[in-house]
C-alpha atoms as a PDB file:
ATOM      1  CA  MET A   1     -14.543   6.373 -10.265  1.00  0.00           C
ATOM      2  CA  ASP A   2     -15.776   4.963  -7.218  1.00  0.00           C
ATOM      3  CA  LEU A   3     -12.434   3.870  -5.914  1.00  0.00           C
ATOM      4  CA  ILE A   4     -10.999   7.421  -6.732  1.00  0.00           C
ATOM      5  CA  ARG A   5     -13.843   9.408  -4.552  1.00  0.00           C
ATOM      6  CA  SER A   6     -13.373   6.826  -1.874  1.00  0.00           C
ATOM      7  CA  ASP A   7      -9.673   7.490  -1.523  1.00  0.00           C
ATOM      8  CA  ILE A   8     -10.807  11.849  -1.515  1.00  0.00           C
ATOM      9  CA  ASP A   9     -13.214  10.664   1.048  1.00  0.00           C
ATOM     10  CA  ALA A  10     -10.880   8.471   3.637  1.00  0.00           C
ATOM     11  CA  GLY A  11      -8.195  11.909   2.776  1.00  0.00           C
ATOM     12  CA  ARG A  12     -10.650  13.947   4.076  1.00  0.00           C
ATOM     13  CA  ASP A  13     -11.181  12.261   6.867  1.00  0.00           C
ATOM     14  CA  TYR A  14      -8.023  11.687   7.527  1.00  0.00           C
ATOM     15  CA  PHE A  15      -6.607  15.227   7.025  1.00  0.00           C
ATOM     16  CA  GLY A  16      -9.588  17.390   7.292  1.00  0.00           C
ATOM     17  CA  ARG A  17      -9.803  19.292   4.410  1.00  0.00           C
ATOM     18  CA  ALA A  18      -8.822  17.299   1.246  1.00  0.00           C
ATOM     19  CA  ILE A  19      -7.987  20.152  -0.865  1.00  0.00           C
ATOM     20  CA  THR A  20      -4.949  21.172   1.455  1.00  0.00           C
ATOM     21  CA  HIS A  21      -3.303  17.793   0.730  1.00  0.00           C
ATOM     22  CA  ALA A  22      -4.183  17.109  -2.697  1.00  0.00           C
ATOM     23  CA  PHE A  23      -0.509  16.878  -3.692  1.00  0.00           C
ATOM     24  CA  PRO A  24       0.773  14.816  -2.908  1.00  0.00           C
ATOM     25  CA  ASN A  25      -1.184  13.023  -0.415  1.00  0.00           C
ATOM     26  CA  LEU A  26      -4.256  12.517  -2.733  1.00  0.00           C
ATOM     27  CA  PHE A  27      -2.428  12.344  -5.960  1.00  0.00           C
ATOM     28  CA  VAL A  28      -0.943   8.590  -5.258  1.00  0.00           C
ATOM     29  CA  PRO A  29      -4.170   6.708  -4.555  1.00  0.00           C
ATOM     30  CA  VAL A  30      -5.691   8.384  -7.709  1.00  0.00           C
ATOM     31  CA  SER A  31      -2.831   8.297 -10.099  1.00  0.00           C
ATOM     32  CA  HIS A  32      -2.700   4.081  -8.858  1.00  0.00           C
ATOM     33  CA  ARG A  33      -6.303   3.865  -9.745  1.00  0.00           C
ATOM     34  CA  ILE A  34      -6.029   5.609 -13.116  1.00  0.00           C
ATOM     35  CA  ALA A  35      -3.052   3.144 -14.035  1.00  0.00           C
ATOM     36  CA  HIS A  36      -4.757  -0.370 -12.557  1.00  0.00           C
ATOM     37  CA  GLU A  37      -7.204   0.562 -14.616  1.00  0.00           C
ATOM     38  CA  LEU A  38      -5.603   0.886 -17.388  1.00  0.00           C
ATOM     39  CA  ASP A  39      -3.453  -2.115 -16.394  1.00  0.00           C
ATOM     40  CA  ARG A  40      -6.824  -3.990 -16.006  1.00  0.00           C
ATOM     41  CA  ARG A  41      -7.752  -2.868 -19.515  1.00  0.00           C
ATOM     42  CA  GLY A  42      -4.522  -4.322 -21.117  1.00  0.00           C
ATOM     43  CA  LEU A  43      -2.749  -0.875 -21.672  1.00  0.00           C
ATOM     44  CA  ARG A  44       0.187  -1.516 -19.750  1.00  0.00           C
ATOM     45  CA  PRO A  45       2.567   0.894 -21.376  1.00  0.00           C
ATOM     46  CA  LEU A  46       0.277   3.954 -20.405  1.00  0.00           C
ATOM     47  CA  ALA A  47      -0.131   2.469 -17.012  1.00  0.00           C
ATOM     48  CA  GLN A  48       3.542   1.991 -16.831  1.00  0.00           C
ATOM     49  CA  ILE A  49       3.757   5.703 -17.665  1.00  0.00           C
ATOM     50  CA  VAL A  50       0.937   6.990 -15.463  1.00  0.00           C
ATOM     51  CA  ALA A  51       3.004   4.875 -12.453  1.00  0.00           C
ATOM     52  CA  MET A  52       6.229   6.742 -13.557  1.00  0.00           C
ATOM     53  CA  ILE A  53       4.842   9.779 -13.357  1.00  0.00           C
ATOM     54  CA  CYS A  54       3.421   9.527  -9.602  1.00  0.00           C
ATOM     55  CA  HIS A  55       6.613   8.254  -8.864  1.00  0.00           C
ATOM     56  CA  VAL A  56       8.878  10.810 -10.043  1.00  0.00           C
ATOM     57  CA  LEU A  57       6.514  13.165  -8.649  1.00  0.00           C
ATOM     58  CA  THR A  58       5.704  12.078  -5.204  1.00  0.00           C
ATOM     59  CA  GLY A  59       8.179   9.543  -4.762  1.00  0.00           C
ATOM     60  CA  ALA A  60       5.659   6.349  -4.228  1.00  0.00           C
ATOM     61  CA  GLU A  61       6.152   3.494  -6.543  1.00  0.00           C
ATOM     62  CA  ILE A  62       3.065   1.462  -6.685  1.00  0.00           C
ATOM     63  CA  ARG A  63       2.944  -0.966  -9.727  1.00  0.00           C
ATOM     64  CA  PRO A  64      -0.321  -0.788 -11.473  1.00  0.00           C
ATOM     65  CA  GLY A  65      -0.934  -4.323 -10.719  1.00  0.00           C
ATOM     66  CA  ALA A  66      -1.363  -4.066  -7.015  1.00  0.00           C
ATOM     67  CA  THR A  67      -4.946  -4.343  -5.799  1.00  0.00           C
ATOM     68  CA  ILE A  68      -5.993  -2.219  -3.325  1.00  0.00           C
ATOM     69  CA  GLY A  69      -9.439  -1.663  -1.761  1.00  0.00           C
ATOM     70  CA  PRO A  70     -11.170   1.492  -1.530  1.00  0.00           C
ATOM     71  CA  ARG A  71     -10.136   4.335   1.035  1.00  0.00           C
ATOM     72  CA  MET A  72      -6.370   4.137   0.870  1.00  0.00           C
ATOM     73  CA  VAL A  73      -4.450   6.879   2.296  1.00  0.00           C
ATOM     74  CA  VAL A  74      -1.175   8.028   2.119  1.00  0.00           C
ATOM     75  CA  VAL A  75       0.470  10.495   4.581  1.00  0.00           C
ATOM     76  CA  HIS A  76       3.850  10.429   3.335  1.00  0.00           C
ATOM     77  CA  PRO A  77       4.546   9.095   0.056  1.00  0.00           C
ATOM     78  CA  THR A  78       8.374   9.097  -0.281  1.00  0.00           C
ATOM     79  CA  GLY A  79       9.570   5.703  -0.394  1.00  0.00           C
ATOM     80  CA  ILE A  80       6.357   4.075  -0.519  1.00  0.00           C
ATOM     81  CA  VAL A  81       6.771   0.507  -2.820  1.00  0.00           C
ATOM     82  CA  ILE A  82       3.943  -1.684  -3.316  1.00  0.00           C
ATOM     83  CA  GLY A  83       4.645  -4.652  -6.014  1.00  0.00           C
ATOM     84  CA  SER A  84       2.516  -5.837  -8.345  1.00  0.00           C
ATOM     85  CA  GLN A  85       0.946  -8.685  -6.985  1.00  0.00           C
ATOM     86  CA  VAL A  86       0.484  -7.101  -3.659  1.00  0.00           C
ATOM     87  CA  VAL A  87      -3.464  -7.376  -2.803  1.00  0.00           C
ATOM     88  CA  ALA A  88      -4.723  -5.143   0.325  1.00  0.00           C
ATOM     89  CA  GLY A  89      -8.499  -4.705   1.234  1.00  0.00           C
ATOM     90  CA  SER A  90     -10.084  -1.421   1.955  1.00  0.00           C
ATOM     91  CA  GLY A  91      -8.469   1.490   4.262  1.00  0.00           C
ATOM     92  CA  LEU A  92      -5.178   0.829   3.761  1.00  0.00           C
ATOM     93  CA  ALA A  93      -2.824   3.729   5.294  1.00  0.00           C
ATOM     94  CA  LEU A  94       0.954   4.278   4.624  1.00  0.00           C
ATOM     95  CA  MET A  95       3.122   6.406   6.918  1.00  0.00           C
ATOM     96  CA  GLY A  96       5.571   7.056   4.440  1.00  0.00           C
ATOM     97  CA  VAL A  97       8.877   4.936   3.431  1.00  0.00           C
ATOM     98  CA  ASN A  98       6.837   1.658   3.245  1.00  0.00           C
ATOM     99  CA  THR A  99       7.513  -1.357   1.114  1.00  0.00           C
ATOM    100  CA  LEU A 100       4.758  -3.771   0.250  1.00  0.00           C
ATOM    101  CA  GLY A 101       6.491  -6.783  -1.735  1.00  0.00           C
ATOM    102  CA  ARG A 102       7.627  -9.859  -3.228  1.00  0.00           C
ATOM    103  CA  ALA A 103      10.305 -12.389  -1.731  1.00  0.00           C
ATOM    104  CA  GLU A 104      11.770 -14.711  -4.154  1.00  0.00           C
ATOM    105  CA  ALA A 105      11.640 -18.889  -2.938  1.00  0.00           C
ATOM    106  CA  SER A 106      14.376 -19.763   0.026  1.00  0.00           C
ATOM    107  CA  GLU A 107      14.544 -22.603   2.117  1.00  0.00           C
ATOM    108  CA  ARG A 108      12.177 -21.390   4.560  1.00  0.00           C
ATOM    109  CA  ARG A 109       9.706 -20.313   2.619  1.00  0.00           C
ATOM    110  CA  PRO A 110       7.893 -19.843  -0.894  1.00  0.00           C
ATOM    111  CA  ALA A 111       7.643 -17.002  -3.245  1.00  0.00           C
ATOM    112  CA  GLY A 112       5.003 -14.337  -3.229  1.00  0.00           C
ATOM    113  CA  SER A 113       3.417 -11.169  -2.148  1.00  0.00           C
ATOM    114  CA  PRO A 114       1.362 -10.382   0.792  1.00  0.00           C
ATOM    115  CA  LYS A 115      -2.215 -10.111   1.258  1.00  0.00           C
ATOM    116  CA  LEU A 116      -3.582  -7.635   3.697  1.00  0.00           C
ATOM    117  CA  GLY A 117      -7.085  -7.463   4.944  1.00  0.00           C
ATOM    118  CA  ASP A 118      -9.357  -4.489   5.873  1.00  0.00           C
ATOM    119  CA  GLY A 119      -7.818  -0.867   8.173  1.00  0.00           C
ATOM    120  CA  VAL A 120      -4.007  -2.103   7.918  1.00  0.00           C
ATOM    121  CA  ILE A 121      -2.296   1.072   8.690  1.00  0.00           C
ATOM    122  CA  LEU A 122       1.734   0.610   8.383  1.00  0.00           C
ATOM    123  CA  LEU A 123       3.615   3.649  10.244  1.00  0.00           C
ATOM    124  CA  THR A 124       6.765   5.111   9.476  1.00  0.00           C
ATOM    125  CA  HIS A 125       9.343   2.310   7.683  1.00  0.00           C
ATOM    126  CA  ALA A 126       7.204  -0.552   8.273  1.00  0.00           C
ATOM    127  CA  SER A 127       7.514  -3.240   5.591  1.00  0.00           C
ATOM    128  CA  VAL A 128       5.562  -6.444   5.098  1.00  0.00           C
ATOM    129  CA  VAL A 129       7.565  -8.727   2.386  1.00  0.00           C
ATOM    130  CA  GLY A 130       6.510 -11.915   1.083  1.00  0.00           C
ATOM    131  CA  PRO A 131       3.289 -14.266   1.009  1.00  0.00           C
ATOM    132  CA  VAL A 132       2.153 -13.449   4.014  1.00  0.00           C
ATOM    133  CA  VAL A 133      -1.323 -13.134   5.316  1.00  0.00           C
ATOM    134  CA  VAL A 134      -2.247  -9.787   7.310  1.00  0.00           C
ATOM    135  CA  GLY A 135      -5.414  -9.683   9.229  1.00  0.00           C
ATOM    136  CA  ASP A 136      -7.899  -6.379   9.232  1.00  0.00           C
ATOM    137  CA  ARG A 137      -7.321  -3.637  11.744  1.00  0.00           C
ATOM    138  CA  VAL A 138      -3.599  -4.599  12.062  1.00  0.00           C
ATOM    139  CA  ILE A 139      -1.067  -1.345  12.668  1.00  0.00           C
ATOM    140  CA  VAL A 140       2.623  -2.548  11.594  1.00  0.00           C
ATOM    141  CA  SER A 141       5.064  -0.776  14.274  1.00  0.00           C
ATOM    142  CA  ALA A 142       7.297   2.101  12.758  1.00  0.00           C
ATOM    143  CA  TYR A 143      10.726   0.394  11.610  1.00  0.00           C
ATOM    144  CA  SER A 144       9.070  -3.506  11.497  1.00  0.00           C
ATOM    145  CA  LEU A 145       9.426  -5.925   9.003  1.00  0.00           C
ATOM    146  CA  VAL A 146       6.458  -8.653   9.289  1.00  0.00           C
ATOM    147  CA  ILE A 147       7.345 -11.524   7.273  1.00  0.00           C
ATOM    148  CA  ASP A 148       4.620 -14.303   9.073  1.00  0.00           C
ATOM    149  CA  ASP A 149       0.974 -14.223   9.152  1.00  0.00           C
ATOM    150  CA  MET A 150      -0.218 -11.501  11.085  1.00  0.00           C
ATOM    151  CA  PRO A 151      -3.713 -12.358  12.679  1.00  0.00           C
ATOM    152  CA  ASP A 152      -6.964  -9.785  13.331  1.00  0.00           C
ATOM    153  CA  ASP A 153      -6.184  -6.756  15.041  1.00  0.00           C
ATOM    154  CA  ALA A 154      -2.335  -7.638  15.484  1.00  0.00           C
ATOM    155  CA  ARG A 155       0.223  -5.290  16.587  1.00  0.00           C
ATOM    156  CA  PRO A 156       3.354  -6.520  14.776  1.00  0.00           C
ATOM    157  CA  ARG A 157       6.595  -4.934  16.339  1.00  0.00           C
ATOM    158  CA  GLY A 158      10.401  -5.552  15.506  1.00  0.00           C
ATOM    159  CA  VAL A 159      12.662  -7.172  12.749  1.00  0.00           C
ATOM    160  CA  PRO A 160      11.437  -9.779  11.957  1.00  0.00           C
ATOM    161  CA  ALA A 161       7.967  -8.311  13.641  1.00  0.00           C
ATOM    162  CA  ARG A 162       6.063 -10.449  16.155  1.00  0.00           C
ATOM    163  CA  ASN A 163       2.304  -9.510  17.517  1.00  0.00           C
ATOM    164  CA  GLU A 164       2.940  -7.830  20.666  1.00  0.00           C
END
């Protein structure tokens, strides 16, 4: 319940009046909190159903196993995909059509999912893929793909993203 309250407070801070954006903007983080708790308690099939309902109604696909800190804000939920092994700190903000996901092993990199710090913002069509660590207060530019670690306060842009 504390995480849900923090998401509602974050939505109120971002949107002004949270009630006007309750669906779909606040529905996504609240649905994820419920699915994540069900998954954590071993009720995986029920967690998957909650996540699926959220996906069908909003277009946001967030796997129940993803660990996301408090104050999550979703501005435009359509096209958001978050994998089950993603870990994100507090204040994650997603602007729409974002991917946080696993990359399989290649000659260049091991397999894995991203870990994001606090206050990370992904602008429209920004993605973070693979076993990368993204620091605190990072703002990923629109249409950027982060596949390398980013330090605190970075402003990655491009494909692949470089810190500007």
